[in-house]
Amino acid sequence: MAIKTVPFQQNRVFGGEDCIVLKSHEDLVIMAFPLHEDTPNFHLSIGDAFNLRNALDEVIKQKYLNAPKGDF
């Protein structure tokens, strides 16, 4: 099980901090907003998680190069 926290500024006007917690559990990715009591956790299949990643890539329009393979 892997857990990753992604902090971000919730609102640029008021300067509040927030975070998203991502956790892998069996064949699911659980996305939680721990600072929001009224927001349920989202349970994404692996395919849905990749779709979310691809959507973020498209919205950001920033592509990163893969590390070259081979001996250096």
C-alpha atoms as a PDB file:
ATOM      1  CA  MET A   1       0.000   0.000   0.000  1.00  0.00           C
ATOM      2  CA  ALA A   2       1.407   3.372  -1.035  1.00  0.00           C
ATOM      3  CA  ILE A   3       0.260   6.736   0.291  1.00  0.00           C
ATOM      4  CA  LYS A   4       1.026  10.097  -1.312  1.00  0.00           C
ATOM      5  CA  THR A   5      -0.021  13.546  -0.080  1.00  0.00           C
ATOM      6  CA  VAL A   6      -0.345  16.413  -2.554  1.00  0.00           C
ATOM      7  CA  PRO A   7      -0.494  19.816  -0.809  1.00  0.00           C
ATOM      8  CA  PHE A   8      -1.819  22.847  -2.679  1.00  0.00           C
ATOM      9  CA  GLN A   9      -3.095  26.363  -2.117  1.00  0.00           C
ATOM     10  CA  GLN A  10      -6.874  26.128  -1.970  1.00  0.00           C
ATOM     11  CA  ASN A  11      -7.615  29.750  -2.705  1.00  0.00           C
ATOM     12  CA  ARG A  12      -5.176  32.333  -3.976  1.00  0.00           C
ATOM     13  CA  VAL A  13      -7.242  35.191  -2.549  1.00  0.00           C
ATOM     14  CA  PHE A  14      -7.458  33.938   1.036  1.00  0.00           C
ATOM     15  CA  GLY A  15      -4.287  31.813   0.987  1.00  0.00           C
ATOM     16  CA  GLY A  16      -5.702  28.653   2.564  1.00  0.00           C
ATOM     17  CA  GLU A  17      -3.708  25.425   2.354  1.00  0.00           C
ATOM     18  CA  ASP A  18      -5.297  22.112   1.487  1.00  0.00           C
ATOM     19  CA  CYS A  19      -4.221  18.646   0.366  1.00  0.00           C
ATOM     20  CA  ILE A  20      -5.310  15.551  -1.488  1.00  0.00           C
ATOM     21  CA  VAL A  21      -4.305  12.139  -0.171  1.00  0.00           C
ATOM     22  CA  LEU A  22      -3.876   9.298  -2.656  1.00  0.00           C
ATOM     23  CA  LYS A  23      -3.695   5.724  -1.400  1.00  0.00           C
ATOM     24  CA  SER A  24      -3.448   2.461  -3.282  1.00  0.00           C
ATOM     25  CA  HIS A  25      -5.456  -0.439  -1.885  1.00  0.00           C
ATOM     26  CA  GLU A  26      -5.584  -3.720  -3.796  1.00  0.00           C
ATOM     27  CA  ASP A  27      -6.839  -2.751  -7.286  1.00  0.00           C
ATOM     28  CA  LEU A  28      -8.130   0.698  -6.303  1.00  0.00           C
ATOM     29  CA  VAL A  29      -6.753   4.189  -5.927  1.00  0.00           C
ATOM     30  CA  ILE A  30      -8.469   6.043  -3.087  1.00  0.00           C
ATOM     31  CA  MET A  31      -8.508   9.829  -3.372  1.00  0.00           C
ATOM     32  CA  ALA A  32      -9.402  11.726  -0.193  1.00  0.00           C
ATOM     33  CA  PHE A  33      -9.737  15.335   0.864  1.00  0.00           C
ATOM     34  CA  PRO A  34      -8.976  14.955   4.595  1.00  0.00           C
ATOM     35  CA  LEU A  35      -9.637  18.600   5.500  1.00  0.00           C
ATOM     36  CA  HIS A  36     -13.220  18.432   4.180  1.00  0.00           C
ATOM     37  CA  GLU A  37     -15.529  16.467   6.458  1.00  0.00           C
ATOM     38  CA  ASP A  38     -18.441  16.593   4.030  1.00  0.00           C
ATOM     39  CA  THR A  39     -16.488  15.279   1.024  1.00  0.00           C
ATOM     40  CA  PRO A  40     -16.498  11.494   0.556  1.00  0.00           C
ATOM     41  CA  ASN A  41     -13.452   9.539  -0.508  1.00  0.00           C
ATOM     42  CA  PHE A  42     -13.319   8.651  -4.197  1.00  0.00           C
ATOM     43  CA  HIS A  43     -12.534   5.030  -5.118  1.00  0.00           C
ATOM     44  CA  LEU A  44     -11.020   4.876  -8.596  1.00  0.00           C
ATOM     45  CA  SER A  45     -10.193   1.748 -10.555  1.00  0.00           C
ATOM     46  CA  ILE A  46      -6.695   1.633 -12.036  1.00  0.00           C
ATOM     47  CA  GLY A  47      -8.156   2.535 -15.440  1.00  0.00           C
ATOM     48  CA  ASP A  48     -10.063   5.491 -13.981  1.00  0.00           C
ATOM     49  CA  ALA A  49      -6.902   6.676 -12.199  1.00  0.00           C
ATOM     50  CA  PHE A  50      -4.997   6.605 -15.503  1.00  0.00           C
ATOM     51  CA  ASN A  51      -7.859   8.493 -17.171  1.00  0.00           C
ATOM     52  CA  LEU A  52      -7.589  11.155 -14.459  1.00  0.00           C
ATOM     53  CA  ARG A  53      -3.824  11.372 -14.989  1.00  0.00           C
ATOM     54  CA  ASN A  54      -4.281  11.679 -18.756  1.00  0.00           C
ATOM     55  CA  ALA A  55      -6.929  14.375 -18.296  1.00  0.00           C
ATOM     56  CA  LEU A  56      -4.568  16.363 -16.050  1.00  0.00           C
ATOM     57  CA  ASP A  57      -1.817  16.016 -18.662  1.00  0.00           C
ATOM     58  CA  GLU A  58      -4.154  17.345 -21.347  1.00  0.00           C
ATOM     59  CA  VAL A  59      -5.354  20.259 -19.231  1.00  0.00           C
ATOM     60  CA  ILE A  60      -1.846  21.238 -18.148  1.00  0.00           C
ATOM     61  CA  LYS A  61      -0.432  20.689 -21.642  1.00  0.00           C
ATOM     62  CA  GLN A  62       2.976  19.996 -20.110  1.00  0.00           C
ATOM     63  CA  LYS A  63       4.782  16.856 -21.192  1.00  0.00           C
ATOM     64  CA  TYR A  64       7.760  15.418 -19.389  1.00  0.00           C
ATOM     65  CA  LEU A  65      10.402  13.384 -21.122  1.00  0.00           C
ATOM     66  CA  ASN A  66      10.878   9.798 -20.024  1.00  0.00           C
ATOM     67  CA  ALA A  67      14.276   8.905 -18.614  1.00  0.00           C
ATOM     68  CA  PRO A  68      16.500   7.351 -21.303  1.00  0.00           C
ATOM     69  CA  LYS A  69      16.974   3.602 -21.056  1.00  0.00           C
ATOM     70  CA  GLY A  70      20.326   1.885 -21.157  1.00  0.00           C
ATOM     71  CA  ASP A  71      23.717   2.037 -19.492  1.00  0.00           C
ATOM     72  CA  PHE A  72      25.369   5.367 -18.787  1.00  0.00           C
END
